[in-house]
Amino acid sequence: MNTKHCSVCGAAWFSDQHYWSTGKIGNELDLAGLVCNTLSSKKFQECANPRKGEGGGQTWAKRFEELEELMNDHLKDNRM
């Protein structure tokens, strides 16, 4: 089994499957959007994610929009 570990964020790959530092199965593109693509240039170079620098996947901006929509829906439901 081949393994690699990112010294920057703690993510790991076992047999080419990405796992978050929490141990949950991950998605390399989401990892890039949430972590790798937000790193300083030095840490970006040390990043082990093969999809770093790619667009797409989950981002903090997308998560914020989703939370904002949920909050607006909740407020709207409670006004009725």
PDB file of N, CA and C in Angstrom:
ATOM      1  N   MET A   1       0.853  -1.173   0.000  1.00  0.00           N
ATOM      2  CA  MET A   1       0.000   0.000   0.000  1.00  0.00           C
ATOM      3  C   MET A   1       0.899   1.236   0.000  1.00  0.00           C
ATOM      4  N   ASN A   2       0.616   2.141  -0.962  1.00  0.00           N
ATOM      5  CA  ASN A   2       1.389   3.380  -0.982  1.00  0.00           C
ATOM      6  C   ASN A   2       0.696   4.423  -0.101  1.00  0.00           C
ATOM      7  N   THR A   3       1.483   5.175   0.638  1.00  0.00           N
ATOM      8  CA  THR A   3       0.941   6.210   1.520  1.00  0.00           C
ATOM      9  C   THR A   3       1.747   7.489   1.361  1.00  0.00           C
ATOM     10  N   LYS A   4       1.081   8.619   1.587  1.00  0.00           N
ATOM     11  CA  LYS A   4       1.780   9.901   1.673  1.00  0.00           C
ATOM     12  C   LYS A   4       1.023  10.758   2.655  1.00  0.00           C
ATOM     13  N   HIS A   5       1.721  11.718   3.203  1.00  0.00           N
ATOM     14  CA  HIS A   5       1.175  12.553   4.262  1.00  0.00           C
ATOM     15  C   HIS A   5       1.591  13.992   3.992  1.00  0.00           C
ATOM     16  N   CYS A   6       0.667  14.930   4.127  1.00  0.00           N
ATOM     17  CA  CYS A   6       0.994  16.333   3.922  1.00  0.00           C
ATOM     18  C   CYS A   6       1.501  16.930   5.229  1.00  0.00           C
ATOM     19  N   SER A   7       2.702  17.436   5.200  1.00  0.00           N
ATOM     20  CA  SER A   7       3.286  18.033   6.398  1.00  0.00           C
ATOM     21  C   SER A   7       2.667  19.396   6.710  1.00  0.00           C
ATOM     22  N   VAL A   8       1.939  19.970   5.773  1.00  0.00           N
ATOM     23  CA  VAL A   8       1.339  21.288   5.967  1.00  0.00           C
ATOM     24  C   VAL A   8       0.004  21.190   6.709  1.00  0.00           C
ATOM     25  N   CYS A   9      -0.909  20.326   6.238  1.00  0.00           N
ATOM     26  CA  CYS A   9      -2.258  20.293   6.823  1.00  0.00           C
ATOM     27  C   CYS A   9      -2.601  18.986   7.530  1.00  0.00           C
ATOM     28  N   GLY A  10      -1.780  17.969   7.373  1.00  0.00           N
ATOM     29  CA  GLY A  10      -2.051  16.700   8.036  1.00  0.00           C
ATOM     30  C   GLY A  10      -2.883  15.729   7.232  1.00  0.00           C
ATOM     31  N   ALA A  11      -3.300  16.110   6.036  1.00  0.00           N
ATOM     32  CA  ALA A  11      -4.059  15.186   5.188  1.00  0.00           C
ATOM     33  C   ALA A  11      -3.179  13.988   4.834  1.00  0.00           C
ATOM     34  N   ALA A  12      -3.829  12.863   4.563  1.00  0.00           N
ATOM     35  CA  ALA A  12      -3.089  11.645   4.234  1.00  0.00           C
ATOM     36  C   ALA A  12      -3.722  10.967   3.031  1.00  0.00           C
ATOM     37  N   TRP A  13      -2.922  10.196   2.333  1.00  0.00           N
ATOM     38  CA  TRP A  13      -3.384   9.381   1.215  1.00  0.00           C
ATOM     39  C   TRP A  13      -2.937   7.955   1.467  1.00  0.00           C
ATOM     40  N   PHE A  14      -3.885   7.045   1.387  1.00  0.00           N
ATOM     41  CA  PHE A  14      -3.611   5.611   1.496  1.00  0.00           C
ATOM     42  C   PHE A  14      -4.126   4.971   0.229  1.00  0.00           C
ATOM     43  N   SER A  15      -3.243   4.316  -0.497  1.00  0.00           N
ATOM     44  CA  SER A  15      -3.599   3.728  -1.796  1.00  0.00           C
ATOM     45  C   SER A  15      -4.311   4.754  -2.669  1.00  0.00           C
ATOM     46  N   ASP A  16      -3.769   5.957  -2.721  1.00  0.00           N
ATOM     47  CA  ASP A  16      -4.262   7.067  -3.536  1.00  0.00           C
ATOM     48  C   ASP A  16      -5.628   7.611  -3.125  1.00  0.00           C
ATOM     49  N   GLN A  17      -6.164   7.187  -1.986  1.00  0.00           N
ATOM     50  CA  GLN A  17      -7.419   7.749  -1.459  1.00  0.00           C
ATOM     51  C   GLN A  17      -7.077   8.807  -0.415  1.00  0.00           C
ATOM     52  N   HIS A  18      -7.586  10.012  -0.620  1.00  0.00           N
ATOM     53  CA  HIS A  18      -7.337  11.098   0.322  1.00  0.00           C
ATOM     54  C   HIS A  18      -8.179  10.922   1.576  1.00  0.00           C
ATOM     55  N   TYR A  19      -7.578  11.206   2.726  1.00  0.00           N
ATOM     56  CA  TYR A  19      -8.264  11.231   4.015  1.00  0.00           C
ATOM     57  C   TYR A  19      -7.936  12.548   4.698  1.00  0.00           C
ATOM     58  N   TRP A  20      -8.965  13.182   5.280  1.00  0.00           N
ATOM     59  CA  TRP A  20      -8.745  14.393   6.060  1.00  0.00           C
ATOM     60  C   TRP A  20      -7.923  14.033   7.293  1.00  0.00           C
ATOM     61  N   SER A  21      -7.385  15.039   7.956  1.00  0.00           N
ATOM     62  CA  SER A  21      -6.599  14.782   9.162  1.00  0.00           C
ATOM     63  C   SER A  21      -7.460  14.177  10.264  1.00  0.00           C
ATOM     64  N   THR A  22      -8.791  14.287  10.126  1.00  0.00           N
ATOM     65  CA  THR A  22      -9.722  13.685  11.087  1.00  0.00           C
ATOM     66  C   THR A  22      -9.889  12.182  10.868  1.00  0.00           C
ATOM     67  N   GLY A  23      -9.392  11.683   9.723  1.00  0.00           N
ATOM     68  CA  GLY A  23      -9.537  10.270   9.391  1.00  0.00           C
ATOM     69  C   GLY A  23     -10.687   9.982   8.439  1.00  0.00           C
ATOM     70  N   LYS A  24     -11.521  10.980   8.155  1.00  0.00           N
ATOM     71  CA  LYS A  24     -12.641  10.784   7.239  1.00  0.00           C
ATOM     72  C   LYS A  24     -12.156  10.814   5.790  1.00  0.00           C
ATOM     73  N   ILE A  25     -12.809  10.008   4.936  1.00  0.00           N
ATOM     74  CA  ILE A  25     -12.487  10.011   3.508  1.00  0.00           C
ATOM     75  C   ILE A  25     -12.739  11.406   2.957  1.00  0.00           C
ATOM     76  N   GLY A  26     -11.806  11.886   2.167  1.00  0.00           N
ATOM     77  CA  GLY A  26     -11.891  13.243   1.650  1.00  0.00           C
ATOM     78  C   GLY A  26     -11.948  13.308   0.141  1.00  0.00           C
ATOM     79  N   ASN A  27     -11.913  14.516  -0.349  1.00  0.00           N
ATOM     80  CA  ASN A  27     -11.954  14.826  -1.765  1.00  0.00           C
ATOM     81  C   ASN A  27     -10.813  15.806  -2.025  1.00  0.00           C
ATOM     82  N   GLU A  28      -9.907  15.451  -2.908  1.00  0.00           N
ATOM     83  CA  GLU A  28      -8.726  16.285  -3.152  1.00  0.00           C
ATOM     84  C   GLU A  28      -9.079  17.675  -3.655  1.00  0.00           C
ATOM     85  N   LEU A  29     -10.136  17.790  -4.457  1.00  0.00           N
ATOM     86  CA  LEU A  29     -10.522  19.098  -4.975  1.00  0.00           C
ATOM     87  C   LEU A  29     -11.107  19.974  -3.864  1.00  0.00           C
ATOM     88  N   ASP A  30     -11.888  19.367  -2.951  1.00  0.00           N
ATOM     89  CA  ASP A  30     -12.379  20.120  -1.793  1.00  0.00           C
ATOM     90  C   ASP A  30     -11.223  20.538  -0.895  1.00  0.00           C
ATOM     91  N   LEU A  31     -10.265  19.654  -0.700  1.00  0.00           N
ATOM     92  CA  LEU A  31      -9.078  19.981   0.091  1.00  0.00           C
ATOM     93  C   LEU A  31      -8.353  21.178  -0.520  1.00  0.00           C
ATOM     94  N   ALA A  32      -8.233  21.180  -1.842  1.00  0.00           N
ATOM     95  CA  ALA A  32      -7.577  22.303  -2.518  1.00  0.00           C
ATOM     96  C   ALA A  32      -8.341  23.599  -2.285  1.00  0.00           C
ATOM     97  N   GLY A  33      -9.669  23.567  -2.452  1.00  0.00           N
ATOM     98  CA  GLY A  33     -10.475  24.779  -2.306  1.00  0.00           C
ATOM     99  C   GLY A  33     -10.525  25.314  -0.893  1.00  0.00           C
ATOM    100  N   LEU A  34     -10.523  24.411   0.083  1.00  0.00           N
ATOM    101  CA  LEU A  34     -10.650  24.834   1.479  1.00  0.00           C
ATOM    102  C   LEU A  34      -9.310  25.117   2.153  1.00  0.00           C
ATOM    103  N   VAL A  35      -8.257  24.421   1.714  1.00  0.00           N
ATOM    104  CA  VAL A  35      -6.978  24.528   2.426  1.00  0.00           C
ATOM    105  C   VAL A  35      -5.832  24.925   1.495  1.00  0.00           C
ATOM    106  N   CYS A  36      -5.519  24.073   0.565  1.00  0.00           N
ATOM    107  CA  CYS A  36      -4.289  24.225  -0.234  1.00  0.00           C
ATOM    108  C   CYS A  36      -4.203  25.548  -0.990  1.00  0.00           C
ATOM    109  N   ASN A  37      -5.313  25.948  -1.616  1.00  0.00           N
ATOM    110  CA  ASN A  37      -5.284  27.155  -2.443  1.00  0.00           C
ATOM    111  C   ASN A  37      -5.304  28.438  -1.619  1.00  0.00           C
ATOM    112  N   THR A  38      -5.401  28.315  -0.292  1.00  0.00           N
ATOM    113  CA  THR A  38      -5.386  29.495   0.578  1.00  0.00           C
ATOM    114  C   THR A  38      -4.043  29.659   1.284  1.00  0.00           C
ATOM    115  N   LEU A  39      -3.098  28.782   1.005  1.00  0.00           N
ATOM    116  CA  LEU A  39      -1.803  28.790   1.691  1.00  0.00           C
ATOM    117  C   LEU A  39      -0.875  29.868   1.153  1.00  0.00           C
ATOM    118  N   SER A  40       0.060  30.280   1.976  1.00  0.00           N
ATOM    119  CA  SER A  40       1.112  31.188   1.517  1.00  0.00           C
ATOM    120  C   SER A  40       1.940  30.451   0.472  1.00  0.00           C
ATOM    121  N   SER A  41       2.685  31.181  -0.328  1.00  0.00           N
ATOM    122  CA  SER A  41       3.423  30.567  -1.435  1.00  0.00           C
ATOM    123  C   SER A  41       4.421  29.506  -0.967  1.00  0.00           C
ATOM    124  N   LYS A  42       5.087  29.717   0.157  1.00  0.00           N
ATOM    125  CA  LYS A  42       6.054  28.727   0.646  1.00  0.00           C
ATOM    126  C   LYS A  42       5.340  27.437   1.043  1.00  0.00           C
ATOM    127  N   LYS A  43       4.266  27.565   1.831  1.00  0.00           N
ATOM    128  CA  LYS A  43       3.530  26.378   2.260  1.00  0.00           C
ATOM    129  C   LYS A  43       2.844  25.711   1.070  1.00  0.00           C
ATOM    130  N   PHE A  44       2.392  26.510   0.083  1.00  0.00           N
ATOM    131  CA  PHE A  44       1.765  25.961  -1.120  1.00  0.00           C
ATOM    132  C   PHE A  44       2.729  25.017  -1.824  1.00  0.00           C
ATOM    133  N   GLN A  45       3.995  25.398  -1.882  1.00  0.00           N
ATOM    134  CA  GLN A  45       5.000  24.563  -2.539  1.00  0.00           C
ATOM    135  C   GLN A  45       5.227  23.254  -1.786  1.00  0.00           C
ATOM    136  N   GLU A  46       5.052  23.278  -0.450  1.00  0.00           N
ATOM    137  CA  GLU A  46       5.256  22.087   0.369  1.00  0.00           C
ATOM    138  C   GLU A  46       4.027  21.180   0.400  1.00  0.00           C
ATOM    139  N   CYS A  47       2.900  21.667  -0.097  1.00  0.00           N
ATOM    140  CA  CYS A  47       1.626  20.944  -0.066  1.00  0.00           C
ATOM    141  C   CYS A  47       1.719  19.646  -0.874  1.00  0.00           C
ATOM    142  N   ALA A  48       1.150  18.574  -0.336  1.00  0.00           N
ATOM    143  CA  ALA A  48       1.219  17.259  -0.980  1.00  0.00           C
ATOM    144  C   ALA A  48       0.029  16.954  -1.884  1.00  0.00           C
ATOM    145  N   ASN A  49      -0.973  17.823  -1.905  1.00  0.00           N
ATOM    146  CA  ASN A  49      -2.182  17.563  -2.692  1.00  0.00           C
ATOM    147  C   ASN A  49      -1.897  17.698  -4.189  1.00  0.00           C
ATOM    148  N   PRO A  50      -2.110  16.645  -4.971  1.00  0.00           N
ATOM    149  CA  PRO A  50      -1.860  16.732  -6.408  1.00  0.00           C
ATOM    150  C   PRO A  50      -2.832  17.669  -7.130  1.00  0.00           C
ATOM    151  N   ARG A  51      -3.933  18.072  -6.482  1.00  0.00           N
ATOM    152  CA  ARG A  51      -4.925  18.946  -7.118  1.00  0.00           C
ATOM    153  C   ARG A  51      -4.825  20.393  -6.638  1.00  0.00           C
ATOM    154  N   LYS A  52      -3.768  20.705  -5.877  1.00  0.00           N
ATOM    155  CA  LYS A  52      -3.587  22.087  -5.415  1.00  0.00           C
ATOM    156  C   LYS A  52      -3.513  23.010  -6.623  1.00  0.00           C
ATOM    157  N   GLY A  53      -4.090  24.184  -6.469  1.00  0.00           N
ATOM    158  CA  GLY A  53      -4.085  25.161  -7.556  1.00  0.00           C
ATOM    159  C   GLY A  53      -5.263  25.038  -8.505  1.00  0.00           C
ATOM    160  N   GLU A  54      -5.994  23.913  -8.462  1.00  0.00           N
ATOM    161  CA  GLU A  54      -7.157  23.734  -9.336  1.00  0.00           C
ATOM    162  C   GLU A  54      -8.369  24.435  -8.732  1.00  0.00           C
ATOM    163  N   GLY A  55      -9.223  24.941  -9.591  1.00  0.00           N
ATOM    164  CA  GLY A  55     -10.476  25.545  -9.153  1.00  0.00           C
ATOM    165  C   GLY A  55     -11.553  24.489  -9.000  1.00  0.00           C
ATOM    166  N   GLY A  56     -12.633  24.870  -8.354  1.00  0.00           N
ATOM    167  CA  GLY A  56     -13.743  23.942  -8.161  1.00  0.00           C
ATOM    168  C   GLY A  56     -13.718  23.361  -6.768  1.00  0.00           C
ATOM    169  N   GLY A  57     -14.598  22.429  -6.535  1.00  0.00           N
ATOM    170  CA  GLY A  57     -14.671  21.842  -5.214  1.00  0.00           C
ATOM    171  C   GLY A  57     -15.264  22.819  -4.212  1.00  0.00           C
ATOM    172  N   GLN A  58     -15.247  22.441  -2.980  1.00  0.00           N
ATOM    173  CA  GLN A  58     -15.788  23.251  -1.888  1.00  0.00           C
ATOM    174  C   GLN A  58     -14.813  24.379  -1.557  1.00  0.00           C
ATOM    175  N   THR A  59     -15.342  25.542  -1.237  1.00  0.00           N
ATOM    176  CA  THR A  59     -14.519  26.672  -0.794  1.00  0.00           C
ATOM    177  C   THR A  59     -15.189  27.291   0.418  1.00  0.00           C
ATOM    178  N   TRP A  60     -14.464  28.131   1.144  1.00  0.00           N
ATOM    179  CA  TRP A  60     -15.055  28.817   2.289  1.00  0.00           C
ATOM    180  C   TRP A  60     -16.134  29.772   1.827  1.00  0.00           C
ATOM    181  N   ALA A  61     -15.972  30.384   0.672  1.00  0.00           N
ATOM    182  CA  ALA A  61     -17.004  31.291   0.147  1.00  0.00           C
ATOM    183  C   ALA A  61     -18.297  30.527  -0.120  1.00  0.00           C
ATOM    184  N   LYS A  62     -18.198  29.337  -0.715  1.00  0.00           N
ATOM    185  CA  LYS A  62     -19.389  28.516  -0.970  1.00  0.00           C
ATOM    186  C   LYS A  62     -20.048  28.107   0.339  1.00  0.00           C
ATOM    187  N   ARG A  63     -19.262  27.719   1.313  1.00  0.00           N
ATOM    188  CA  ARG A  63     -19.825  27.326   2.608  1.00  0.00           C
ATOM    189  C   ARG A  63     -20.523  28.503   3.281  1.00  0.00           C
ATOM    190  N   PHE A  64     -19.943  29.681   3.183  1.00  0.00           N
ATOM    191  CA  PHE A  64     -20.554  30.859   3.774  1.00  0.00           C
ATOM    192  C   PHE A  64     -21.901  31.144   3.104  1.00  0.00           C
ATOM    193  N   GLU A  65     -21.953  31.039   1.772  1.00  0.00           N
ATOM    194  CA  GLU A  65     -23.212  31.256   1.045  1.00  0.00           C
ATOM    195  C   GLU A  65     -24.276  30.255   1.487  1.00  0.00           C
ATOM    196  N   GLU A  66     -23.890  28.994   1.648  1.00  0.00           N
ATOM    197  CA  GLU A  66     -24.830  27.960   2.086  1.00  0.00           C
ATOM    198  C   GLU A  66     -25.358  28.262   3.482  1.00  0.00           C
ATOM    199  N   LEU A  67     -24.485  28.682   4.382  1.00  0.00           N
ATOM    200  CA  LEU A  67     -24.911  29.037   5.738  1.00  0.00           C
ATOM    201  C   LEU A  67     -25.839  30.249   5.731  1.00  0.00           C
ATOM    202  N   GLU A  68     -25.525  31.211   4.891  1.00  0.00           N
ATOM    203  CA  GLU A  68     -26.355  32.407   4.795  1.00  0.00           C
ATOM    204  C   GLU A  68     -27.762  32.055   4.291  1.00  0.00           C
ATOM    205  N   GLU A  69     -27.837  31.161   3.293  1.00  0.00           N
ATOM    206  CA  GLU A  69     -29.134  30.711   2.781  1.00  0.00           C
ATOM    207  C   GLU A  69     -29.927  29.988   3.862  1.00  0.00           C
ATOM    208  N   LEU A  70     -29.272  29.114   4.610  1.00  0.00           N
ATOM    209  CA  LEU A  70     -29.948  28.403   5.692  1.00  0.00           C
ATOM    210  C   LEU A  70     -30.467  29.374   6.748  1.00  0.00           C
ATOM    211  N   MET A  71     -29.662  30.355   7.085  1.00  0.00           N
ATOM    212  CA  MET A  71     -30.064  31.329   8.086  1.00  0.00           C
ATOM    213  C   MET A  71     -31.251  32.152   7.589  1.00  0.00           C
ATOM    214  N   ASN A  72     -31.221  32.575   6.331  1.00  0.00           N
ATOM    215  CA  ASN A  72     -32.332  33.345   5.770  1.00  0.00           C
ATOM    216  C   ASN A  72     -33.610  32.505   5.732  1.00  0.00           C
ATOM    217  N   ASP A  73     -33.500  31.229   5.350  1.00  0.00           N
ATOM    218  CA  ASP A  73     -34.657  30.335   5.343  1.00  0.00           C
ATOM    219  C   ASP A  73     -35.216  30.177   6.751  1.00  0.00           C
ATOM    220  N   HIS A  74     -34.344  30.026   7.716  1.00  0.00           N
ATOM    221  CA  HIS A  74     -34.770  29.873   9.105  1.00  0.00           C
ATOM    222  C   HIS A  74     -35.505  31.128   9.587  1.00  0.00           C
ATOM    223  N   LEU A  75     -34.939  32.301   9.285  1.00  0.00           N
ATOM    224  CA  LEU A  75     -35.576  33.540   9.695  1.00  0.00           C
ATOM    225  C   LEU A  75     -36.937  33.722   9.020  1.00  0.00           C
ATOM    226  N   LYS A  76     -37.008  33.372   7.738  1.00  0.00           N
ATOM    227  CA  LYS A  76     -38.260  33.492   6.992  1.00  0.00           C
ATOM    228  C   LYS A  76     -39.317  32.554   7.597  1.00  0.00           C
ATOM    229  N   ASP A  77     -38.939  31.328   7.923  1.00  0.00           N
ATOM    230  CA  ASP A  77     -39.873  30.356   8.509  1.00  0.00           C
ATOM    231  C   ASP A  77     -40.384  30.819   9.864  1.00  0.00           C
ATOM    232  N   ASN A  78     -39.557  31.494  10.627  1.00  0.00           N
ATOM    233  CA  ASN A  78     -39.945  31.932  11.965  1.00  0.00           C
ATOM    234  C   ASN A  78     -40.761  33.218  11.974  1.00  0.00           C
ATOM    235  N   ARG A  79     -40.845  33.906  10.855  1.00  0.00           N
ATOM    236  CA  ARG A  79     -41.636  35.132  10.760  1.00  0.00           C
ATOM    237  C   ARG A  79     -43.108  34.827  10.494  1.00  0.00           C
ATOM    238  N   MET A  80     -43.389  33.666   9.970  1.00  0.00           N
ATOM    239  CA  MET A  80     -44.761  33.319   9.597  1.00  0.00           C
ATOM    240  C   MET A  80     -45.561  32.862  10.768  1.00  0.00           C
TER     241      MET A  80
END
